[in-house]
C-alpha atoms as a PDB file:
ATOM      1  CA  UNK A   1       8.358   1.488  24.728  1.00  0.00           C
ATOM      2  CA  UNK A   2      10.300   4.732  24.696  1.00  0.00           C
ATOM      3  CA  UNK A   3       8.226   7.934  24.231  1.00  0.00           C
ATOM      4  CA  UNK A   4      10.153   9.061  21.127  1.00  0.00           C
ATOM      5  CA  UNK A   5       9.699   5.704  19.389  1.00  0.00           C
ATOM      6  CA  UNK A   6       5.954   5.795  20.034  1.00  0.00           C
ATOM      7  CA  UNK A   7       5.806   9.333  18.661  1.00  0.00           C
ATOM      8  CA  UNK A   8       7.588   8.286  15.481  1.00  0.00           C
ATOM      9  CA  UNK A   9       5.190   5.374  15.068  1.00  0.00           C
ATOM     10  CA  UNK A  10       2.188   7.681  15.474  1.00  0.00           C
ATOM     11  CA  UNK A  11       3.661  10.050  12.870  1.00  0.00           C
ATOM     12  CA  UNK A  12       4.246   7.125  10.500  1.00  0.00           C
ATOM     13  CA  UNK A  13       0.596   5.989  10.660  1.00  0.00           C
ATOM     14  CA  UNK A  14      -0.705   9.554  10.425  1.00  0.00           C
ATOM     15  CA  UNK A  15       1.403  10.286   7.350  1.00  0.00           C
ATOM     16  CA  UNK A  16       0.488   6.948   5.774  1.00  0.00           C
ATOM     17  CA  UNK A  17      -3.139   8.038   5.871  1.00  0.00           C
ATOM     18  CA  UNK A  18      -2.212  11.481   4.472  1.00  0.00           C
ATOM     19  CA  UNK A  19      -3.442  13.363   7.546  1.00  0.00           C
ATOM     20  CA  UNK A  20      -1.855  16.595   8.626  1.00  0.00           C
ATOM     21  CA  UNK A  21      -1.064  17.107  12.288  1.00  0.00           C
ATOM     22  CA  UNK A  22      -4.075  19.444  12.448  1.00  0.00           C
ATOM     23  CA  UNK A  23      -6.358  16.753  10.916  1.00  0.00           C
ATOM     24  CA  UNK A  24      -5.164  14.121  13.370  1.00  0.00           C
ATOM     25  CA  UNK A  25      -5.475  16.554  16.272  1.00  0.00           C
ATOM     26  CA  UNK A  26      -9.106  17.251  15.373  1.00  0.00           C
ATOM     27  CA  UNK A  27      -9.805  13.517  15.211  1.00  0.00           C
ATOM     28  CA  UNK A  28      -8.278  13.084  18.670  1.00  0.00           C
ATOM     29  CA  UNK A  29     -10.031  16.152  20.103  1.00  0.00           C
ATOM     30  CA  UNK A  30      -6.697  17.917  20.497  1.00  0.00           C
ATOM     31  CA  UNK A  31      -4.680  20.701  18.871  1.00  0.00           C
ATOM     32  CA  UNK A  32      -1.999  20.506  16.188  1.00  0.00           C
ATOM     33  CA  UNK A  33       0.531  21.495  18.865  1.00  0.00           C
ATOM     34  CA  UNK A  34      -0.537  18.487  20.974  1.00  0.00           C
ATOM     35  CA  UNK A  35       0.126  16.172  17.997  1.00  0.00           C
ATOM     36  CA  UNK A  36       3.462  17.879  17.325  1.00  0.00           C
ATOM     37  CA  UNK A  37       4.512  17.389  20.957  1.00  0.00           C
ATOM     38  CA  UNK A  38       3.228  13.805  20.971  1.00  0.00           C
ATOM     39  CA  UNK A  39       5.154  12.856  17.834  1.00  0.00           C
ATOM     40  CA  UNK A  40       8.262  14.610  19.134  1.00  0.00           C
ATOM     41  CA  UNK A  41       8.207  12.644  22.382  1.00  0.00           C
ATOM     42  CA  UNK A  42       7.448  15.733  24.472  1.00  0.00           C
ATOM     43  CA  UNK A  43       4.004  14.669  25.697  1.00  0.00           C
ATOM     44  CA  UNK A  44       2.724  11.623  27.566  1.00  0.00           C
ATOM     45  CA  UNK A  45       0.546   9.520  25.287  1.00  0.00           C
ATOM     46  CA  UNK A  46      -3.004   8.423  25.899  1.00  0.00           C
ATOM     47  CA  UNK A  47      -2.904   4.793  27.215  1.00  0.00           C
ATOM     48  CA  UNK A  48      -5.194   3.367  24.451  1.00  0.00           C
ATOM     49  CA  UNK A  49      -2.952   5.017  21.854  1.00  0.00           C
ATOM     50  CA  UNK A  50       0.138   3.463  23.458  1.00  0.00           C
ATOM     51  CA  UNK A  51      -1.442  -0.006  23.466  1.00  0.00           C
ATOM     52  CA  UNK A  52      -2.362   0.280  19.786  1.00  0.00           C
ATOM     53  CA  UNK A  53       1.118   1.443  18.807  1.00  0.00           C
ATOM     54  CA  UNK A  54       2.977  -1.159  20.836  1.00  0.00           C
ATOM     55  CA  UNK A  55       0.926  -3.892  19.184  1.00  0.00           C
ATOM     56  CA  UNK A  56       2.002  -2.548  15.787  1.00  0.00           C
ATOM     57  CA  UNK A  57      -1.503  -1.643  14.683  1.00  0.00           C
ATOM     58  CA  UNK A  58      -1.106   2.124  14.654  1.00  0.00           C
ATOM     59  CA  UNK A  59      -3.824   4.284  16.184  1.00  0.00           C
ATOM     60  CA  UNK A  60      -6.932   2.464  17.399  1.00  0.00           C
ATOM     61  CA  UNK A  61      -9.177   4.763  15.337  1.00  0.00           C
ATOM     62  CA  UNK A  62     -10.009   3.173  11.949  1.00  0.00           C
ATOM     63  CA  UNK A  63      -8.185   5.834   9.958  1.00  0.00           C
ATOM     64  CA  UNK A  64      -9.058   4.220   6.648  1.00  0.00           C
ATOM     65  CA  UNK A  65     -12.726   4.999   7.285  1.00  0.00           C
ATOM     66  CA  UNK A  66     -11.926   8.693   7.387  1.00  0.00           C
ATOM     67  CA  UNK A  67     -10.078   8.668   4.058  1.00  0.00           C
ATOM     68  CA  UNK A  68     -11.813   6.148   1.873  1.00  0.00           C
ATOM     69  CA  UNK A  69     -15.188   5.470   3.480  1.00  0.00           C
ATOM     70  CA  UNK A  70     -14.210   1.965   4.670  1.00  0.00           C
ATOM     71  CA  UNK A  71     -13.067   0.695   8.027  1.00  0.00           C
ATOM     72  CA  UNK A  72      -9.426  -0.459   8.154  1.00  0.00           C
END
């Protein structure tokens, strides 16, 4: 899958969960700039993140747990 398409998919899932780039960066142990570059297709993705996105599941982290106290 093309880097830009993966980045857009990551942004979609992040925004769906109402996380800012800074929030998502903290969850991933990275900076807001890292997330910005990742979503813009300027940075190589982490292999587990790529696998999750190419399977259409979004990030492997259960993002729902962080927003509503339940696992997704």
